Amino acid sequence: MSAKVAIIVSLVYVLSLAITPFAFTEEKFLYTIGPGDVLEISVWQHPELDKVVTVRPDGKISFSLIGDVNTTGLTPADLDKVITRALSEYVQNPEVTVMVATIKSKEILVLGQVARPGAYPIEENMSILEAIAEAGGYTETASLRKVTVHRKSGDETGRVIEADLKQLMTEDYSGKEVILEPGDVVYVPEKSSAWDIFDRYFVRGLLPVMAFFVMVDELSKP
């Protein structure tokens, strides 16, 4: 092999190493459409077909001429191809563009005793503590031992995950932290006041014998 050829081969190899990581990174972060996302769909030279649609909870959208389209597991580019293929029966050589106008399926809600309650984009492997920090942190009136995560599931009731953030912040709970999923609702409740506890255990008489000790125990919790 001549020196010139060797140099060319070396340059090709170096360039391949530089390009490959980028290709993998690009592939990793391809966005998948989900329920609640708002899509802008346009068809070139057919403005009457342009439409803004919201992905339904079942993962489907409705589009002119072709009816319901399932978006589950599709990227915008994938959906572009699906709609183009279906529209070709009604429109000659359609050129479809699909854009995600609003991302809702990749959000969580952080509510209750936090500085800025509201919806936030979910990050990969996001924990409850990270979500609360994103919402500006918890307030002085927050009850850290009774934080809950309300998660949607296959049934109508969903499930509730309880978390003691006081323990998470003071002990080694590595690997035991609750990792959030899209659509989760994190709720940080307010600490019970002395009157709330007195009313619960004395006035209503729920635990007349142990009421005093229970009240002292609850007042000692943050």
N, C-alpha and C. Protein backbone atom coordinates (compact mmCIF):
# COMPACT_ATOMS: atom_id res chain seq x y z
N MET A 1 0.85 -1.20 0.00
CA MET A 1 0.00 0.00 0.00
C MET A 1 0.89 1.25 0.00
N SER A 2 0.62 2.18 -0.93
CA SER A 2 1.42 3.40 -1.00
C SER A 2 1.11 4.31 0.17
N ALA A 3 2.01 5.25 0.38
CA ALA A 3 1.83 6.20 1.49
C ALA A 3 0.58 7.03 1.29
N LYS A 4 0.30 7.40 0.01
CA LYS A 4 -0.88 8.22 -0.28
C LYS A 4 -2.16 7.48 0.04
N VAL A 5 -2.22 6.21 -0.35
CA VAL A 5 -3.41 5.40 -0.08
C VAL A 5 -3.58 5.21 1.42
N ALA A 6 -2.48 4.98 2.13
CA ALA A 6 -2.54 4.79 3.58
C ALA A 6 -3.10 6.00 4.28
N ILE A 7 -2.70 7.20 3.82
CA ILE A 7 -3.20 8.44 4.42
C ILE A 7 -4.70 8.58 4.20
N ILE A 8 -5.15 8.23 2.97
CA ILE A 8 -6.58 8.34 2.65
C ILE A 8 -7.39 7.39 3.51
N VAL A 9 -6.91 6.14 3.67
CA VAL A 9 -7.61 5.15 4.50
C VAL A 9 -7.69 5.63 5.93
N SER A 10 -6.61 6.21 6.43
CA SER A 10 -6.59 6.71 7.81
C SER A 10 -7.60 7.83 8.01
N LEU A 11 -7.67 8.75 7.03
CA LEU A 11 -8.63 9.85 7.12
C LEU A 11 -10.07 9.35 7.11
N VAL A 12 -10.35 8.36 6.26
CA VAL A 12 -11.70 7.78 6.21
C VAL A 12 -12.07 7.15 7.54
N TYR A 13 -11.11 6.45 8.15
CA TYR A 13 -11.35 5.80 9.44
C TYR A 13 -11.65 6.82 10.54
N VAL A 14 -10.84 7.90 10.57
CA VAL A 14 -11.04 8.94 11.58
C VAL A 14 -12.40 9.60 11.41
N LEU A 15 -12.77 9.89 10.15
CA LEU A 15 -14.07 10.50 9.90
C LEU A 15 -15.22 9.60 10.32
N SER A 16 -15.06 8.29 10.11
CA SER A 16 -16.11 7.35 10.50
C SER A 16 -16.30 7.33 12.01
N LEU A 17 -15.21 7.44 12.74
CA LEU A 17 -15.30 7.48 14.21
C LEU A 17 -15.98 8.75 14.67
N ALA A 18 -15.73 9.85 13.98
CA ALA A 18 -16.32 11.13 14.37
C ALA A 18 -17.81 11.17 14.08
N ILE A 19 -18.23 10.53 12.97
CA ILE A 19 -19.63 10.59 12.56
C ILE A 19 -20.50 9.60 13.29
N THR A 20 -19.98 8.43 13.60
CA THR A 20 -20.78 7.35 14.19
C THR A 20 -21.44 7.75 15.51
N PRO A 21 -20.72 8.33 16.50
CA PRO A 21 -21.39 8.70 17.75
C PRO A 21 -22.54 9.65 17.53
N PHE A 22 -22.38 10.60 16.56
CA PHE A 22 -23.46 11.54 16.29
C PHE A 22 -24.69 10.82 15.76
N ALA A 23 -24.45 9.84 14.89
CA ALA A 23 -25.57 9.08 14.33
C ALA A 23 -26.32 8.34 15.41
N PHE A 24 -25.59 7.74 16.35
CA PHE A 24 -26.25 7.02 17.43
C PHE A 24 -27.03 7.99 18.31
N THR A 25 -26.42 9.15 18.59
CA THR A 25 -27.09 10.14 19.45
C THR A 25 -28.37 10.63 18.80
N GLU A 26 -28.30 10.89 17.50
CA GLU A 26 -29.49 11.37 16.79
C GLU A 26 -30.59 10.34 16.83
N GLU A 27 -30.25 9.07 16.64
CA GLU A 27 -31.23 7.99 16.66
C GLU A 27 -31.86 7.84 18.03
N LYS A 28 -31.05 8.02 19.08
CA LYS A 28 -31.52 7.82 20.45
C LYS A 28 -32.60 8.82 20.82
N PHE A 29 -32.51 10.05 20.31
CA PHE A 29 -33.42 11.10 20.74
C PHE A 29 -34.54 11.37 19.74
N LEU A 30 -34.85 10.40 18.88
CA LEU A 30 -36.00 10.54 18.00
C LEU A 30 -37.27 10.62 18.84
N TYR A 31 -38.12 11.60 18.57
CA TYR A 31 -39.31 11.81 19.37
C TYR A 31 -40.45 10.92 18.90
N THR A 32 -41.09 10.26 19.85
CA THR A 32 -42.24 9.41 19.56
C THR A 32 -43.51 10.14 19.98
N ILE A 33 -44.46 10.22 19.08
CA ILE A 33 -45.72 10.90 19.34
C ILE A 33 -46.49 10.17 20.44
N GLY A 34 -47.18 10.94 21.29
CA GLY A 34 -47.95 10.34 22.38
C GLY A 34 -49.27 11.06 22.60
N PRO A 35 -50.17 10.47 23.39
CA PRO A 35 -51.47 11.08 23.67
C PRO A 35 -51.33 12.48 24.25
N GLY A 36 -52.17 13.39 23.77
CA GLY A 36 -52.13 14.77 24.24
C GLY A 36 -51.29 15.68 23.38
N ASP A 37 -50.40 15.12 22.56
CA ASP A 37 -49.58 15.95 21.67
C ASP A 37 -50.46 16.66 20.64
N VAL A 38 -50.10 17.89 20.33
CA VAL A 38 -50.82 18.65 19.31
C VAL A 38 -49.97 18.66 18.04
N LEU A 39 -50.55 18.18 16.93
CA LEU A 39 -49.82 18.04 15.67
C LEU A 39 -50.36 19.02 14.63
N GLU A 40 -49.44 19.62 13.88
CA GLU A 40 -49.81 20.44 12.74
C GLU A 40 -49.52 19.64 11.48
N ILE A 41 -50.56 19.32 10.73
CA ILE A 41 -50.41 18.50 9.52
C ILE A 41 -50.82 19.33 8.31
N SER A 42 -49.91 19.45 7.36
CA SER A 42 -50.21 20.22 6.15
C SER A 42 -49.92 19.39 4.91
N VAL A 43 -50.69 19.68 3.86
CA VAL A 43 -50.52 18.99 2.58
C VAL A 43 -50.25 20.06 1.53
N TRP A 44 -49.10 19.98 0.88
CA TRP A 44 -48.68 21.02 -0.06
C TRP A 44 -49.68 21.17 -1.20
N GLN A 45 -50.05 22.43 -1.44
CA GLN A 45 -51.00 22.82 -2.49
C GLN A 45 -52.42 22.33 -2.22
N HIS A 46 -52.67 21.90 -0.99
CA HIS A 46 -54.03 21.51 -0.60
C HIS A 46 -54.34 22.08 0.78
N PRO A 47 -54.44 23.42 0.86
CA PRO A 47 -54.68 24.05 2.17
C PRO A 47 -55.97 23.62 2.84
N GLU A 48 -56.93 23.16 2.02
CA GLU A 48 -58.19 22.69 2.61
C GLU A 48 -58.01 21.45 3.47
N LEU A 49 -56.88 20.76 3.30
CA LEU A 49 -56.61 19.57 4.09
C LEU A 49 -55.74 19.85 5.32
N ASP A 50 -55.16 21.06 5.38
CA ASP A 50 -54.31 21.40 6.53
C ASP A 50 -55.12 21.33 7.82
N LYS A 51 -54.51 20.79 8.84
CA LYS A 51 -55.27 20.56 10.07
C LYS A 51 -54.37 20.55 11.30
N VAL A 52 -54.90 21.04 12.41
CA VAL A 52 -54.24 20.92 13.71
C VAL A 52 -55.04 19.92 14.53
N VAL A 53 -54.40 18.84 14.95
CA VAL A 53 -55.12 17.78 15.64
C VAL A 53 -54.42 17.46 16.97
N THR A 54 -55.21 16.94 17.89
CA THR A 54 -54.67 16.49 19.18
C THR A 54 -54.77 14.97 19.24
N VAL A 55 -53.68 14.33 19.62
CA VAL A 55 -53.66 12.87 19.71
C VAL A 55 -54.55 12.45 20.88
N ARG A 56 -55.50 11.59 20.59
CA ARG A 56 -56.45 11.14 21.60
C ARG A 56 -55.79 10.16 22.58
N PRO A 57 -56.45 9.90 23.73
CA PRO A 57 -55.88 8.95 24.70
C PRO A 57 -55.61 7.57 24.12
N ASP A 58 -56.36 7.19 23.07
CA ASP A 58 -56.13 5.88 22.45
C ASP A 58 -54.98 5.90 21.44
N GLY A 59 -54.31 7.07 21.32
CA GLY A 59 -53.18 7.17 20.41
C GLY A 59 -53.54 7.47 18.97
N LYS A 60 -54.82 7.75 18.70
CA LYS A 60 -55.25 7.97 17.32
C LYS A 60 -55.59 9.44 17.07
N ILE A 61 -55.58 9.81 15.79
CA ILE A 61 -56.03 11.13 15.35
C ILE A 61 -57.02 10.92 14.21
N SER A 62 -57.80 11.95 13.94
CA SER A 62 -58.71 11.91 12.79
C SER A 62 -58.21 12.91 11.76
N PHE A 63 -58.15 12.46 10.48
CA PHE A 63 -57.67 13.35 9.42
C PHE A 63 -58.61 13.27 8.22
N SER A 64 -58.69 14.40 7.55
CA SER A 64 -59.62 14.52 6.41
C SER A 64 -59.39 13.41 5.39
N LEU A 65 -60.49 12.89 4.86
CA LEU A 65 -60.54 11.87 3.81
C LEU A 65 -60.18 10.48 4.28
N ILE A 66 -59.20 10.33 5.17
CA ILE A 66 -58.71 8.99 5.52
C ILE A 66 -59.20 8.49 6.88
N GLY A 67 -59.87 9.38 7.66
CA GLY A 67 -60.42 8.94 8.94
C GLY A 67 -59.38 8.80 10.04
N ASP A 68 -59.56 7.80 10.89
CA ASP A 68 -58.67 7.61 12.04
C ASP A 68 -57.31 7.05 11.62
N VAL A 69 -56.27 7.59 12.25
CA VAL A 69 -54.90 7.12 12.00
C VAL A 69 -54.26 6.84 13.36
N ASN A 70 -53.66 5.66 13.50
CA ASN A 70 -53.01 5.29 14.75
C ASN A 70 -51.58 5.83 14.76
N THR A 71 -51.25 6.63 15.80
CA THR A 71 -49.91 7.23 15.90
C THR A 71 -49.01 6.50 16.89
N THR A 72 -49.52 5.46 17.52
CA THR A 72 -48.77 4.78 18.59
C THR A 72 -47.42 4.27 18.07
N GLY A 73 -46.36 4.69 18.76
CA GLY A 73 -45.02 4.24 18.41
C GLY A 73 -44.41 4.92 17.21
N LEU A 74 -45.09 5.93 16.65
CA LEU A 74 -44.59 6.59 15.44
C LEU A 74 -43.87 7.89 15.76
N THR A 75 -42.86 8.20 14.98
CA THR A 75 -42.23 9.50 15.01
C THR A 75 -43.00 10.39 14.03
N PRO A 76 -42.80 11.72 14.06
CA PRO A 76 -43.46 12.58 13.07
C PRO A 76 -43.16 12.16 11.64
N ALA A 77 -41.91 11.73 11.38
CA ALA A 77 -41.56 11.28 10.02
C ALA A 77 -42.32 10.02 9.65
N ASP A 78 -42.49 9.10 10.62
CA ASP A 78 -43.26 7.88 10.35
C ASP A 78 -44.71 8.21 10.03
N LEU A 79 -45.30 9.11 10.83
CA LEU A 79 -46.69 9.49 10.62
C LEU A 79 -46.85 10.19 9.28
N ASP A 80 -45.86 10.98 8.90
CA ASP A 80 -45.85 11.63 7.59
C ASP A 80 -46.03 10.59 6.49
N LYS A 81 -45.28 9.50 6.57
CA LYS A 81 -45.34 8.45 5.54
C LYS A 81 -46.70 7.73 5.55
N VAL A 82 -47.23 7.48 6.75
CA VAL A 82 -48.51 6.79 6.87
C VAL A 82 -49.62 7.61 6.23
N ILE A 83 -49.66 8.92 6.56
CA ILE A 83 -50.70 9.78 6.00
C ILE A 83 -50.53 9.94 4.49
N THR A 84 -49.27 10.08 4.06
CA THR A 84 -49.00 10.20 2.61
C THR A 84 -49.51 8.99 1.86
N ARG A 85 -49.25 7.81 2.41
CA ARG A 85 -49.68 6.57 1.75
C ARG A 85 -51.21 6.50 1.67
N ALA A 86 -51.87 6.87 2.76
CA ALA A 86 -53.33 6.79 2.79
C ALA A 86 -53.96 7.85 1.90
N LEU A 87 -53.38 9.05 1.88
CA LEU A 87 -53.93 10.14 1.07
C LEU A 87 -53.74 9.92 -0.42
N SER A 88 -52.77 9.12 -0.79
CA SER A 88 -52.48 8.90 -2.21
C SER A 88 -53.66 8.29 -2.96
N GLU A 89 -54.61 7.72 -2.22
CA GLU A 89 -55.80 7.18 -2.86
C GLU A 89 -56.77 8.28 -3.27
N TYR A 90 -56.60 9.48 -2.66
CA TYR A 90 -57.53 10.57 -2.92
C TYR A 90 -56.86 11.79 -3.56
N VAL A 91 -55.56 11.94 -3.29
CA VAL A 91 -54.81 13.09 -3.79
C VAL A 91 -53.62 12.59 -4.59
N GLN A 92 -53.40 13.20 -5.75
CA GLN A 92 -52.28 12.77 -6.58
C GLN A 92 -50.95 13.28 -6.02
N ASN A 93 -50.04 12.36 -5.75
CA ASN A 93 -48.70 12.67 -5.24
C ASN A 93 -48.72 13.67 -4.08
N PRO A 94 -49.40 13.33 -2.98
CA PRO A 94 -49.46 14.27 -1.85
C PRO A 94 -48.10 14.43 -1.18
N GLU A 95 -47.83 15.66 -0.76
CA GLU A 95 -46.62 15.96 0.01
C GLU A 95 -47.05 16.43 1.39
N VAL A 96 -46.90 15.55 2.35
CA VAL A 96 -47.41 15.79 3.71
C VAL A 96 -46.28 16.21 4.63
N THR A 97 -46.56 17.16 5.51
CA THR A 97 -45.61 17.58 6.54
C THR A 97 -46.30 17.48 7.90
N VAL A 98 -45.66 16.78 8.83
CA VAL A 98 -46.19 16.62 10.18
C VAL A 98 -45.22 17.28 11.17
N MET A 99 -45.75 18.20 11.96
CA MET A 99 -44.94 18.88 12.98
C MET A 99 -45.62 18.76 14.34
N VAL A 100 -44.83 18.56 15.38
CA VAL A 100 -45.37 18.52 16.75
C VAL A 100 -45.40 19.95 17.27
N ALA A 101 -46.59 20.52 17.39
CA ALA A 101 -46.75 21.91 17.83
C ALA A 101 -46.63 22.03 19.34
N THR A 102 -47.22 21.09 20.06
CA THR A 102 -47.19 21.11 21.52
C THR A 102 -46.98 19.70 22.04
N ILE A 103 -45.98 19.54 22.88
CA ILE A 103 -45.70 18.23 23.48
C ILE A 103 -46.38 18.14 24.83
N LYS A 104 -47.38 17.28 24.93
CA LYS A 104 -48.10 17.08 26.20
C LYS A 104 -47.86 15.69 26.78
N SER A 105 -47.56 14.73 25.91
CA SER A 105 -47.44 13.35 26.37
C SER A 105 -46.18 13.12 27.20
N LYS A 106 -45.21 14.03 27.11
CA LYS A 106 -43.96 13.85 27.83
C LYS A 106 -43.86 14.85 28.99
N GLU A 107 -45.00 15.10 29.62
CA GLU A 107 -45.03 16.04 30.74
C GLU A 107 -45.46 15.35 32.03
N ILE A 108 -45.12 15.99 33.14
CA ILE A 108 -45.63 15.60 34.45
C ILE A 108 -46.23 16.83 35.11
N LEU A 109 -47.09 16.60 36.08
CA LEU A 109 -47.65 17.69 36.87
C LEU A 109 -47.06 17.65 38.27
N VAL A 110 -46.64 18.81 38.76
CA VAL A 110 -46.14 18.92 40.13
C VAL A 110 -47.07 19.91 40.84
N LEU A 111 -47.84 19.41 41.80
CA LEU A 111 -48.88 20.21 42.45
C LEU A 111 -48.70 20.25 43.96
N GLY A 112 -49.46 21.14 44.59
CA GLY A 112 -49.42 21.22 46.05
C GLY A 112 -48.43 22.25 46.55
N GLN A 113 -47.74 21.91 47.62
CA GLN A 113 -46.86 22.85 48.32
C GLN A 113 -45.48 22.95 47.67
N VAL A 114 -45.46 23.48 46.46
CA VAL A 114 -44.21 23.77 45.76
C VAL A 114 -44.26 25.22 45.30
N ALA A 115 -43.08 25.77 44.97
CA ALA A 115 -43.02 27.19 44.63
C ALA A 115 -43.77 27.51 43.35
N ARG A 116 -43.66 26.62 42.34
CA ARG A 116 -44.29 26.90 41.05
C ARG A 116 -45.07 25.67 40.58
N PRO A 117 -46.27 25.45 41.08
CA PRO A 117 -47.07 24.30 40.65
C PRO A 117 -47.37 24.40 39.14
N GLY A 118 -47.37 23.25 38.48
CA GLY A 118 -47.70 23.25 37.06
C GLY A 118 -47.15 22.06 36.32
N ALA A 119 -47.20 22.13 35.00
CA ALA A 119 -46.73 21.05 34.14
C ALA A 119 -45.27 21.29 33.75
N TYR A 120 -44.48 20.21 33.74
CA TYR A 120 -43.06 20.30 33.40
C TYR A 120 -42.67 19.15 32.48
N PRO A 121 -41.76 19.42 31.54
CA PRO A 121 -41.26 18.33 30.68
C PRO A 121 -40.54 17.29 31.53
N ILE A 122 -40.76 16.03 31.22
CA ILE A 122 -40.12 14.98 31.99
C ILE A 122 -38.75 14.66 31.37
N GLU A 123 -37.76 14.54 32.23
CA GLU A 123 -36.42 14.17 31.80
C GLU A 123 -36.23 12.67 31.97
N GLU A 124 -35.21 12.12 31.32
CA GLU A 124 -34.92 10.70 31.43
C GLU A 124 -34.51 10.37 32.87
N ASN A 125 -35.12 9.31 33.44
CA ASN A 125 -34.83 8.86 34.81
C ASN A 125 -35.04 9.97 35.84
N MET A 126 -36.08 10.76 35.66
CA MET A 126 -36.37 11.87 36.57
C MET A 126 -36.99 11.35 37.86
N SER A 127 -36.45 11.79 38.99
CA SER A 127 -36.96 11.35 40.30
C SER A 127 -37.94 12.38 40.85
N ILE A 128 -38.60 12.02 41.95
CA ILE A 128 -39.55 12.93 42.59
C ILE A 128 -38.83 14.19 43.07
N LEU A 129 -37.67 14.01 43.68
CA LEU A 129 -36.90 15.15 44.19
C LEU A 129 -36.51 16.09 43.05
N GLU A 130 -36.13 15.53 41.92
CA GLU A 130 -35.75 16.35 40.77
C GLU A 130 -36.96 17.11 40.23
N ALA A 131 -38.13 16.46 40.23
CA ALA A 131 -39.34 17.12 39.75
C ALA A 131 -39.72 18.28 40.66
N ILE A 132 -39.62 18.07 41.97
CA ILE A 132 -39.94 19.14 42.92
C ILE A 132 -38.94 20.29 42.78
N ALA A 133 -37.67 19.96 42.57
CA ALA A 133 -36.66 21.01 42.36
C ALA A 133 -36.97 21.80 41.10
N GLU A 134 -37.44 21.12 40.06
CA GLU A 134 -37.82 21.79 38.80
C GLU A 134 -38.95 22.77 39.04
N ALA A 135 -39.83 22.44 40.00
CA ALA A 135 -40.97 23.30 40.32
C ALA A 135 -40.61 24.36 41.35
N GLY A 136 -39.32 24.59 41.56
CA GLY A 136 -38.88 25.64 42.47
C GLY A 136 -38.67 25.21 43.90
N GLY A 137 -38.81 23.90 44.18
CA GLY A 137 -38.61 23.41 45.54
C GLY A 137 -39.89 23.43 46.35
N TYR A 138 -39.86 22.77 47.50
CA TYR A 138 -41.06 22.71 48.34
C TYR A 138 -41.12 23.92 49.27
N THR A 139 -42.34 24.21 49.74
CA THR A 139 -42.55 25.37 50.61
C THR A 139 -42.37 24.96 52.07
N GLU A 140 -42.41 25.95 52.95
CA GLU A 140 -42.25 25.70 54.38
C GLU A 140 -43.41 24.91 54.96
N THR A 141 -44.55 24.94 54.29
CA THR A 141 -45.73 24.25 54.80
C THR A 141 -45.87 22.84 54.23
N ALA A 142 -44.87 22.38 53.48
CA ALA A 142 -44.96 21.06 52.83
C ALA A 142 -44.77 19.92 53.82
N SER A 143 -45.54 18.87 53.64
CA SER A 143 -45.38 17.64 54.41
C SER A 143 -44.57 16.66 53.57
N LEU A 144 -43.27 16.56 53.87
CA LEU A 144 -42.37 15.77 53.04
C LEU A 144 -42.57 14.27 53.21
N ARG A 145 -43.17 13.86 54.30
CA ARG A 145 -43.34 12.42 54.55
C ARG A 145 -44.56 11.84 53.85
N LYS A 146 -45.37 12.69 53.22
CA LYS A 146 -46.63 12.19 52.66
C LYS A 146 -46.79 12.57 51.19
N VAL A 147 -45.69 12.68 50.47
CA VAL A 147 -45.75 13.01 49.04
C VAL A 147 -46.29 11.80 48.27
N THR A 148 -47.12 12.06 47.29
CA THR A 148 -47.70 10.97 46.50
C THR A 148 -47.47 11.20 45.01
N VAL A 149 -47.42 10.10 44.28
CA VAL A 149 -47.35 10.13 42.82
C VAL A 149 -48.58 9.40 42.29
N HIS A 150 -49.41 10.10 41.55
CA HIS A 150 -50.62 9.51 40.98
C HIS A 150 -50.30 9.11 39.54
N ARG A 151 -50.37 7.82 39.26
CA ARG A 151 -49.94 7.29 37.97
C ARG A 151 -51.11 6.63 37.24
N LYS A 152 -51.27 6.96 35.99
CA LYS A 152 -52.32 6.34 35.17
C LYS A 152 -51.94 4.89 34.88
N SER A 153 -52.96 4.05 34.82
CA SER A 153 -52.72 2.65 34.47
C SER A 153 -53.85 2.18 33.58
N GLY A 154 -53.90 0.90 33.35
CA GLY A 154 -54.90 0.36 32.44
C GLY A 154 -56.32 0.54 32.93
N ASP A 155 -56.53 0.52 34.25
CA ASP A 155 -57.89 0.69 34.76
C ASP A 155 -58.19 2.17 34.97
N GLU A 156 -59.41 2.45 35.40
CA GLU A 156 -59.84 3.84 35.56
C GLU A 156 -59.26 4.48 36.81
N THR A 157 -58.97 3.69 37.83
CA THR A 157 -58.53 4.25 39.10
C THR A 157 -57.06 4.62 39.09
N GLY A 158 -56.25 3.93 38.31
CA GLY A 158 -54.81 4.19 38.32
C GLY A 158 -54.21 3.68 39.62
N ARG A 159 -53.04 4.19 39.96
CA ARG A 159 -52.40 3.79 41.21
C ARG A 159 -51.73 4.98 41.86
N VAL A 160 -51.56 4.88 43.17
CA VAL A 160 -50.93 5.94 43.95
C VAL A 160 -49.68 5.39 44.61
N ILE A 161 -48.55 6.07 44.40
CA ILE A 161 -47.28 5.67 45.00
C ILE A 161 -46.94 6.68 46.08
N GLU A 162 -46.70 6.19 47.29
CA GLU A 162 -46.36 7.08 48.39
C GLU A 162 -44.85 7.18 48.54
N ALA A 163 -44.38 8.36 48.91
CA ALA A 163 -42.94 8.57 49.07
C ALA A 163 -42.67 9.42 50.29
N ASP A 164 -41.68 9.00 51.08
CA ASP A 164 -41.23 9.75 52.24
C ASP A 164 -39.95 10.48 51.85
N LEU A 165 -40.09 11.74 51.45
CA LEU A 165 -38.94 12.49 50.96
C LEU A 165 -37.96 12.83 52.09
N LYS A 166 -38.46 12.84 53.32
CA LYS A 166 -37.56 13.09 54.45
C LYS A 166 -36.51 12.01 54.53
N GLN A 167 -36.93 10.76 54.34
CA GLN A 167 -35.98 9.64 54.33
C GLN A 167 -35.08 9.69 53.11
N LEU A 168 -35.66 10.03 51.97
CA LEU A 168 -34.87 10.08 50.74
C LEU A 168 -33.74 11.09 50.83
N MET A 169 -33.96 12.15 51.59
CA MET A 169 -32.96 13.21 51.69
C MET A 169 -31.95 12.98 52.81
N THR A 170 -32.28 12.10 53.75
CA THR A 170 -31.39 11.93 54.90
C THR A 170 -30.73 10.57 54.96
N GLU A 171 -31.22 9.60 54.19
CA GLU A 171 -30.66 8.26 54.22
C GLU A 171 -30.21 7.82 52.83
N ASP A 172 -29.44 6.76 52.79
CA ASP A 172 -28.96 6.23 51.51
C ASP A 172 -30.03 5.35 50.89
N TYR A 173 -30.82 5.96 50.00
CA TYR A 173 -31.88 5.22 49.31
C TYR A 173 -31.53 5.03 47.84
N SER A 174 -30.24 4.89 47.57
CA SER A 174 -29.78 4.73 46.20
C SER A 174 -30.46 3.52 45.54
N GLY A 175 -31.07 3.76 44.39
CA GLY A 175 -31.73 2.68 43.66
C GLY A 175 -33.16 2.45 44.10
N LYS A 176 -33.62 3.12 45.18
CA LYS A 176 -34.97 2.93 45.68
C LYS A 176 -35.85 4.14 45.40
N GLU A 177 -35.29 5.16 44.80
CA GLU A 177 -36.05 6.35 44.45
C GLU A 177 -37.10 6.01 43.39
N VAL A 178 -38.25 6.67 43.48
CA VAL A 178 -39.31 6.47 42.50
C VAL A 178 -38.96 7.26 41.24
N ILE A 179 -38.87 6.56 40.12
CA ILE A 179 -38.59 7.20 38.83
C ILE A 179 -39.92 7.52 38.16
N LEU A 180 -40.08 8.76 37.75
CA LEU A 180 -41.34 9.22 37.20
C LEU A 180 -41.54 8.77 35.75
N GLU A 181 -42.81 8.70 35.37
CA GLU A 181 -43.20 8.34 34.02
C GLU A 181 -44.06 9.45 33.44
N PRO A 182 -44.11 9.57 32.10
CA PRO A 182 -44.96 10.60 31.49
C PRO A 182 -46.40 10.51 31.98
N GLY A 183 -46.97 11.66 32.32
CA GLY A 183 -48.35 11.70 32.79
C GLY A 183 -48.50 11.60 34.29
N ASP A 184 -47.40 11.35 35.02
CA ASP A 184 -47.47 11.26 36.48
C ASP A 184 -47.85 12.61 37.09
N VAL A 185 -48.56 12.55 38.21
CA VAL A 185 -48.91 13.76 38.95
C VAL A 185 -48.26 13.65 40.34
N VAL A 186 -47.31 14.53 40.60
CA VAL A 186 -46.63 14.56 41.90
C VAL A 186 -47.37 15.56 42.78
N TYR A 187 -47.79 15.11 43.96
CA TYR A 187 -48.54 15.99 44.86
C TYR A 187 -47.83 16.09 46.20
N VAL A 188 -47.51 17.33 46.58
CA VAL A 188 -46.87 17.60 47.87
C VAL A 188 -47.92 18.22 48.78
N PRO A 189 -48.40 17.48 49.78
CA PRO A 189 -49.49 18.00 50.63
C PRO A 189 -48.99 19.02 51.66
N GLU A 190 -49.92 19.64 52.30
CA GLU A 190 -49.62 20.61 53.35
C GLU A 190 -49.54 19.92 54.70
N LYS A 191 -48.65 20.41 55.56
CA LYS A 191 -48.54 19.84 56.91
C LYS A 191 -49.84 20.06 57.68
N SER A 192 -50.19 19.09 58.49
CA SER A 192 -51.38 19.22 59.33
C SER A 192 -51.10 20.21 60.46
N SER A 193 -52.07 21.08 60.71
CA SER A 193 -51.93 22.01 61.83
C SER A 193 -52.38 21.34 63.12
N ALA A 194 -52.09 21.95 64.23
CA ALA A 194 -52.50 21.40 65.53
C ALA A 194 -54.02 21.27 65.60
N TRP A 195 -54.75 22.26 65.03
CA TRP A 195 -56.21 22.19 65.08
C TRP A 195 -56.73 21.05 64.22
N ASP A 196 -56.13 20.83 63.04
CA ASP A 196 -56.57 19.73 62.18
C ASP A 196 -56.47 18.40 62.90
N ILE A 197 -55.35 18.19 63.58
CA ILE A 197 -55.13 16.93 64.28
C ILE A 197 -56.08 16.82 65.48
N PHE A 198 -56.28 17.92 66.21
CA PHE A 198 -57.19 17.90 67.36
C PHE A 198 -58.60 17.56 66.90
N ASP A 199 -59.02 18.19 65.78
CA ASP A 199 -60.37 17.94 65.26
C ASP A 199 -60.52 16.50 64.80
N ARG A 200 -59.47 15.97 64.19
CA ARG A 200 -59.54 14.62 63.64
C ARG A 200 -59.65 13.58 64.74
N TYR A 201 -58.88 13.74 65.82
CA TYR A 201 -58.80 12.68 66.81
C TYR A 201 -59.66 12.92 68.06
N PHE A 202 -59.87 14.20 68.42
CA PHE A 202 -60.65 14.47 69.63
C PHE A 202 -62.10 14.81 69.31
N VAL A 203 -62.30 15.84 68.48
CA VAL A 203 -63.66 16.29 68.19
C VAL A 203 -64.46 15.19 67.49
N ARG A 204 -63.88 14.54 66.52
CA ARG A 204 -64.58 13.47 65.80
C ARG A 204 -64.49 12.14 66.54
N GLY A 205 -63.62 12.05 67.52
CA GLY A 205 -63.55 10.86 68.35
C GLY A 205 -63.14 9.60 67.62
N LEU A 206 -62.21 9.72 66.67
CA LEU A 206 -61.82 8.54 65.91
C LEU A 206 -60.98 7.58 66.74
N LEU A 207 -60.08 8.13 67.54
CA LEU A 207 -59.21 7.30 68.38
C LEU A 207 -59.16 7.91 69.79
N PRO A 208 -60.21 7.77 70.56
CA PRO A 208 -60.29 8.46 71.85
C PRO A 208 -59.22 8.03 72.85
N VAL A 209 -58.74 6.80 72.80
CA VAL A 209 -57.79 6.33 73.80
C VAL A 209 -56.37 6.80 73.49
N MET A 210 -55.99 6.62 72.23
CA MET A 210 -54.61 6.94 71.84
C MET A 210 -54.49 8.30 71.18
N ALA A 211 -55.54 9.09 71.20
CA ALA A 211 -55.57 10.33 70.44
C ALA A 211 -54.43 11.27 70.81
N PHE A 212 -54.19 11.41 72.09
CA PHE A 212 -53.16 12.34 72.53
C PHE A 212 -51.79 11.96 71.99
N PHE A 213 -51.44 10.67 72.08
CA PHE A 213 -50.12 10.21 71.63
C PHE A 213 -49.99 10.31 70.11
N VAL A 214 -51.06 10.03 69.40
CA VAL A 214 -51.04 10.15 67.94
C VAL A 214 -50.84 11.60 67.53
N MET A 215 -51.51 12.51 68.23
CA MET A 215 -51.40 13.92 67.92
C MET A 215 -49.97 14.41 68.12
N VAL A 216 -49.35 14.01 69.22
CA VAL A 216 -47.97 14.40 69.50
C VAL A 216 -47.04 13.87 68.42
N ASP A 217 -47.28 12.64 68.01
CA ASP A 217 -46.44 12.01 66.99
C ASP A 217 -46.55 12.76 65.65
N GLU A 218 -47.77 13.12 65.27
CA GLU A 218 -47.96 13.80 63.99
C GLU A 218 -47.39 15.21 64.02
N LEU A 219 -47.52 15.89 65.16
CA LEU A 219 -46.98 17.25 65.26
C LEU A 219 -45.46 17.25 65.16
N SER A 220 -44.84 16.14 65.49
CA SER A 220 -43.38 16.07 65.45
C SER A 220 -42.85 15.83 64.05
N LYS A 221 -43.75 15.46 63.12
CA LYS A 221 -43.33 15.20 61.75
C LYS A 221 -43.30 16.50 60.94
N PRO A 222 -42.32 16.62 60.02
CA PRO A 222 -42.27 17.84 59.19
C PRO A 222 -43.36 17.84 58.14
